[in-house]
C-alpha atoms as a PDB file:
ATOM      1  CA  UNK A   1     102.492 100.912 132.377  1.00  0.00           C
ATOM      2  CA  UNK A   2     104.660 100.767 135.439  1.00  0.00           C
ATOM      3  CA  UNK A   3     108.077  99.313 136.114  1.00  0.00           C
ATOM      4  CA  UNK A   4     107.385  96.013 134.345  1.00  0.00           C
ATOM      5  CA  UNK A   5     106.266  97.889 131.243  1.00  0.00           C
ATOM      6  CA  UNK A   6     109.469  99.931 131.225  1.00  0.00           C
ATOM      7  CA  UNK A   7     111.599  96.794 131.600  1.00  0.00           C
ATOM      8  CA  UNK A   8     109.752  95.101 128.721  1.00  0.00           C
ATOM      9  CA  UNK A   9     110.092  98.208 126.559  1.00  0.00           C
ATOM     10  CA  UNK A  10     113.837  98.459 127.254  1.00  0.00           C
ATOM     11  CA  UNK A  11     114.302  94.751 126.429  1.00  0.00           C
ATOM     12  CA  UNK A  12     112.397  95.194 123.192  1.00  0.00           C
ATOM     13  CA  UNK A  13     114.363  98.337 122.318  1.00  0.00           C
ATOM     14  CA  UNK A  14     117.640  96.476 122.860  1.00  0.00           C
ATOM     15  CA  UNK A  15     116.335  93.614 120.715  1.00  0.00           C
ATOM     16  CA  UNK A  16     115.221  95.926 117.906  1.00  0.00           C
ATOM     17  CA  UNK A  17     118.670  97.552 117.851  1.00  0.00           C
ATOM     18  CA  UNK A  18     120.440  94.173 117.808  1.00  0.00           C
ATOM     19  CA  UNK A  19     118.242  92.942 114.949  1.00  0.00           C
ATOM     20  CA  UNK A  20     119.079  95.998 112.867  1.00  0.00           C
ATOM     21  CA  UNK A  21     122.788  95.360 113.464  1.00  0.00           C
ATOM     22  CA  UNK A  22     122.689  91.619 112.707  1.00  0.00           C
ATOM     23  CA  UNK A  23     120.705  92.142 109.510  1.00  0.00           C
ATOM     24  CA  UNK A  24     124.069  92.077 107.723  1.00  0.00           C
ATOM     25  CA  UNK A  25     123.832  88.282 107.721  1.00  0.00           C
ATOM     26  CA  UNK A  26     120.683  88.487 105.615  1.00  0.00           C
ATOM     27  CA  UNK A  27     122.172  90.513 102.779  1.00  0.00           C
ATOM     28  CA  UNK A  28     122.461  88.315  99.670  1.00  0.00           C
ATOM     29  CA  UNK A  29     125.964  87.560  98.422  1.00  0.00           C
ATOM     30  CA  UNK A  30     125.118  89.113  95.045  1.00  0.00           C
ATOM     31  CA  UNK A  31     124.704  92.505  96.779  1.00  0.00           C
ATOM     32  CA  UNK A  32     127.422  92.245  99.440  1.00  0.00           C
ATOM     33  CA  UNK A  33     129.926  89.429  98.832  1.00  0.00           C
ATOM     34  CA  UNK A  34     130.654  87.453 101.983  1.00  0.00           C
ATOM     35  CA  UNK A  35     134.368  88.178 101.532  1.00  0.00           C
ATOM     36  CA  UNK A  36     133.615  91.867 102.198  1.00  0.00           C
ATOM     37  CA  UNK A  37     131.206  91.292 105.071  1.00  0.00           C
ATOM     38  CA  UNK A  38     133.284  91.021 108.263  1.00  0.00           C
ATOM     39  CA  UNK A  39     130.255  90.240 110.435  1.00  0.00           C
ATOM     40  CA  UNK A  40     129.431  87.248 108.209  1.00  0.00           C
ATOM     41  CA  UNK A  41     132.992  85.953 108.390  1.00  0.00           C
ATOM     42  CA  UNK A  42     133.227  86.233 112.186  1.00  0.00           C
ATOM     43  CA  UNK A  43     129.766  84.731 112.770  1.00  0.00           C
ATOM     44  CA  UNK A  44     130.273  81.712 110.513  1.00  0.00           C
ATOM     45  CA  UNK A  45     133.757  81.065 111.888  1.00  0.00           C
ATOM     46  CA  UNK A  46     132.597  81.141 115.506  1.00  0.00           C
ATOM     47  CA  UNK A  47     129.276  79.308 115.209  1.00  0.00           C
ATOM     48  CA  UNK A  48     129.665  77.036 112.178  1.00  0.00           C
ATOM     49  CA  UNK A  49     125.985  77.780 111.488  1.00  0.00           C
ATOM     50  CA  UNK A  50     125.173  75.333 108.703  1.00  0.00           C
ATOM     51  CA  UNK A  51     122.012  77.249 107.799  1.00  0.00           C
ATOM     52  CA  UNK A  52     123.998  80.404 107.036  1.00  0.00           C
ATOM     53  CA  UNK A  53     126.818  78.491 105.358  1.00  0.00           C
ATOM     54  CA  UNK A  54     124.676  76.181 103.172  1.00  0.00           C
ATOM     55  CA  UNK A  55     121.674  78.484 102.789  1.00  0.00           C
ATOM     56  CA  UNK A  56     118.878  76.027 101.942  1.00  0.00           C
ATOM     57  CA  UNK A  57     115.957  77.430  99.936  1.00  0.00           C
ATOM     58  CA  UNK A  58     113.614  77.902 102.902  1.00  0.00           C
ATOM     59  CA  UNK A  59     116.360  79.726 104.808  1.00  0.00           C
ATOM     60  CA  UNK A  60     116.968  82.124 101.903  1.00  0.00           C
ATOM     61  CA  UNK A  61     113.235  82.862 101.873  1.00  0.00           C
ATOM     62  CA  UNK A  62     113.266  83.552 105.621  1.00  0.00           C
ATOM     63  CA  UNK A  63     116.306  85.822 105.263  1.00  0.00           C
ATOM     64  CA  UNK A  64     114.484  87.753 102.539  1.00  0.00           C
ATOM     65  CA  UNK A  65     111.493  88.050 104.883  1.00  0.00           C
ATOM     66  CA  UNK A  66     113.779  89.439 107.568  1.00  0.00           C
ATOM     67  CA  UNK A  67     115.291  92.036 105.222  1.00  0.00           C
ATOM     68  CA  UNK A  68     112.047  93.113 103.580  1.00  0.00           C
ATOM     69  CA  UNK A  69     109.595  92.850 106.499  1.00  0.00           C
ATOM     70  CA  UNK A  70     111.214  92.423 109.917  1.00  0.00           C
ATOM     71  CA  UNK A  71     114.048  94.946 109.504  1.00  0.00           C
ATOM     72  CA  UNK A  72     111.719  97.826 108.527  1.00  0.00           C
ATOM     73  CA  UNK A  73     109.381  96.871 111.386  1.00  0.00           C
ATOM     74  CA  UNK A  74     112.311  96.844 113.821  1.00  0.00           C
ATOM     75  CA  UNK A  75     113.300 100.337 112.657  1.00  0.00           C
ATOM     76  CA  UNK A  76     109.694 101.543 112.945  1.00  0.00           C
ATOM     77  CA  UNK A  77     109.453 100.016 116.414  1.00  0.00           C
ATOM     78  CA  UNK A  78     112.592 101.822 117.545  1.00  0.00           C
ATOM     79  CA  UNK A  79     111.104 105.118 116.367  1.00  0.00           C
ATOM     80  CA  UNK A  80     107.653 104.325 117.780  1.00  0.00           C
ATOM     81  CA  UNK A  81     109.069 103.311 121.147  1.00  0.00           C
ATOM     82  CA  UNK A  82     111.366 106.306 121.509  1.00  0.00           C
ATOM     83  CA  UNK A  83     108.703 108.819 120.472  1.00  0.00           C
ATOM     84  CA  UNK A  84     105.679 107.135 122.118  1.00  0.00           C
ATOM     85  CA  UNK A  85     103.749 106.646 118.899  1.00  0.00           C
ATOM     86  CA  UNK A  86     100.251 105.177 119.254  1.00  0.00           C
ATOM     87  CA  UNK A  87     100.812 102.694 116.404  1.00  0.00           C
ATOM     88  CA  UNK A  88     103.749 101.065 118.212  1.00  0.00           C
ATOM     89  CA  UNK A  89     101.526  98.351 119.704  1.00  0.00           C
ATOM     90  CA  UNK A  90     100.366  97.250 116.254  1.00  0.00           C
ATOM     91  CA  UNK A  91     103.823  97.170 114.691  1.00  0.00           C
ATOM     92  CA  UNK A  92     105.197  95.378 117.744  1.00  0.00           C
ATOM     93  CA  UNK A  93     102.487  92.707 117.402  1.00  0.00           C
ATOM     94  CA  UNK A  94     103.227  92.265 113.677  1.00  0.00           C
ATOM     95  CA  UNK A  95     106.962  92.047 114.345  1.00  0.00           C
ATOM     96  CA  UNK A  96     106.510  89.474 117.107  1.00  0.00           C
ATOM     97  CA  UNK A  97     104.272  87.234 115.007  1.00  0.00           C
ATOM     98  CA  UNK A  98     106.781  87.287 112.156  1.00  0.00           C
ATOM     99  CA  UNK A  99     109.715  86.488 114.463  1.00  0.00           C
ATOM    100  CA  UNK A 100     107.874  83.577 116.092  1.00  0.00           C
ATOM    101  CA  UNK A 101     106.891  82.118 112.706  1.00  0.00           C
ATOM    102  CA  UNK A 102     110.367  82.354 111.174  1.00  0.00           C
ATOM    103  CA  UNK A 103     112.153  81.169 114.314  1.00  0.00           C
ATOM    104  CA  UNK A 104     109.837  78.175 114.622  1.00  0.00           C
ATOM    105  CA  UNK A 105     110.734  77.098 111.092  1.00  0.00           C
ATOM    106  CA  UNK A 106     114.467  77.424 111.771  1.00  0.00           C
ATOM    107  CA  UNK A 107     114.297  75.665 115.149  1.00  0.00           C
ATOM    108  CA  UNK A 108     112.292  72.847 113.540  1.00  0.00           C
ATOM    109  CA  UNK A 109     114.990  72.404 110.916  1.00  0.00           C
ATOM    110  CA  UNK A 110     117.749  72.480 113.525  1.00  0.00           C
ATOM    111  CA  UNK A 111     116.000  69.919 115.751  1.00  0.00           C
ATOM    112  CA  UNK A 112     115.399  67.524 112.846  1.00  0.00           C
ATOM    113  CA  UNK A 113     118.850  67.796 111.282  1.00  0.00           C
ATOM    114  CA  UNK A 114     121.837  65.750 112.259  1.00  0.00           C
ATOM    115  CA  UNK A 115     124.141  68.725 111.638  1.00  0.00           C
ATOM    116  CA  UNK A 116     123.160  70.982 114.516  1.00  0.00           C
ATOM    117  CA  UNK A 117     125.105  71.413 117.723  1.00  0.00           C
ATOM    118  CA  UNK A 118     123.800  72.525 121.079  1.00  0.00           C
ATOM    119  CA  UNK A 119     125.562  75.864 120.644  1.00  0.00           C
ATOM    120  CA  UNK A 120     123.789  76.416 117.324  1.00  0.00           C
ATOM    121  CA  UNK A 121     120.440  75.676 118.964  1.00  0.00           C
ATOM    122  CA  UNK A 122     121.359  78.192 121.654  1.00  0.00           C
ATOM    123  CA  UNK A 123     121.929  80.821 118.934  1.00  0.00           C
ATOM    124  CA  UNK A 124     118.358  80.537 117.610  1.00  0.00           C
ATOM    125  CA  UNK A 125     115.978  79.347 120.283  1.00  0.00           C
ATOM    126  CA  UNK A 126     116.664  81.293 123.503  1.00  0.00           C
ATOM    127  CA  UNK A 127     117.073  84.772 122.068  1.00  0.00           C
ATOM    128  CA  UNK A 128     114.511  84.861 119.265  1.00  0.00           C
ATOM    129  CA  UNK A 129     111.483  82.792 120.292  1.00  0.00           C
ATOM    130  CA  UNK A 130     111.016  84.542 123.658  1.00  0.00           C
ATOM    131  CA  UNK A 131     111.653  87.889 121.939  1.00  0.00           C
ATOM    132  CA  UNK A 132     108.848  87.188 119.493  1.00  0.00           C
ATOM    133  CA  UNK A 133     106.473  86.092 122.252  1.00  0.00           C
ATOM    134  CA  UNK A 134     107.382  89.159 124.316  1.00  0.00           C
ATOM    135  CA  UNK A 135     106.704  91.437 121.332  1.00  0.00           C
ATOM    136  CA  UNK A 136     103.328  89.738 120.748  1.00  0.00           C
ATOM    137  CA  UNK A 137     102.357  90.087 124.406  1.00  0.00           C
ATOM    138  CA  UNK A 138     103.476  93.735 124.431  1.00  0.00           C
ATOM    139  CA  UNK A 139     101.439  94.405 121.307  1.00  0.00           C
ATOM    140  CA  UNK A 140      98.322  92.684 122.647  1.00  0.00           C
ATOM    141  CA  UNK A 141      98.522  94.197 126.137  1.00  0.00           C
ATOM    142  CA  UNK A 142      99.195  97.597 124.623  1.00  0.00           C
ATOM    143  CA  UNK A 143      96.162  97.280 122.324  1.00  0.00           C
ATOM    144  CA  UNK A 144      93.975  96.094 125.169  1.00  0.00           C
ATOM    145  CA  UNK A 145      95.001  98.814 127.599  1.00  0.00           C
ATOM    146  CA  UNK A 146      95.674 101.474 124.933  1.00  0.00           C
ATOM    147  CA  UNK A 147      99.032 102.002 126.623  1.00  0.00           C
ATOM    148  CA  UNK A 148     101.590 104.069 124.769  1.00  0.00           C
ATOM    149  CA  UNK A 149     105.221 102.985 124.905  1.00  0.00           C
ATOM    150  CA  UNK A 150     106.724 103.805 128.286  1.00  0.00           C
ATOM    151  CA  UNK A 151     110.214 104.839 127.186  1.00  0.00           C
ATOM    152  CA  UNK A 152     109.698 107.716 124.820  1.00  0.00           C
ATOM    153  CA  UNK A 153     109.109 111.284 125.752  1.00  0.00           C
ATOM    154  CA  UNK A 154     108.515 112.571 122.264  1.00  0.00           C
ATOM    155  CA  UNK A 155     105.818 114.954 121.110  1.00  0.00           C
ATOM    156  CA  UNK A 156     102.944 112.474 121.236  1.00  0.00           C
ATOM    157  CA  UNK A 157     103.565 111.584 124.885  1.00  0.00           C
ATOM    158  CA  UNK A 158     102.669 115.075 126.044  1.00  0.00           C
ATOM    159  CA  UNK A 159      99.025 115.826 126.766  1.00  0.00           C
ATOM    160  CA  UNK A 160      97.805 118.884 124.896  1.00  0.00           C
ATOM    161  CA  UNK A 161      95.018 120.980 126.330  1.00  0.00           C
ATOM    162  CA  UNK A 162      92.788 123.092 124.150  1.00  0.00           C
ATOM    163  CA  UNK A 163      90.989 126.161 125.352  1.00  0.00           C
END
């Protein structure tokens, strides 16, 4: 895929890792009380994210989507990228579409509310919407060109010859 493909793959890998780490925010309070979740306490103190603090119904549904759908896809994408799995393009496309849909809903709420600050908008829009679009483009280009991920050097990246 070339240098650009490697750069895109490294950006996506970094994003998949960061999403798996920040998934702590999505864990319901009934499972992990916020008092025992240091990441939750630091994040809400620094950002004053009213969506995380107030948790409206649509936001709870999106957080459940992230835990049940996007987190497993992020983990699969990490594995698929590192081991050059042929299904990586499909899971990357699915992940990107889900991220764009959920981020669009949250950005729409933030833009239409009177509670949001510019720093809160900067927490949602710049990192997540372009990430979703990049994952979609990577999935589509990979499907079109049948390109395997360019980072991994696992067993499926080697060409096997049969006699």
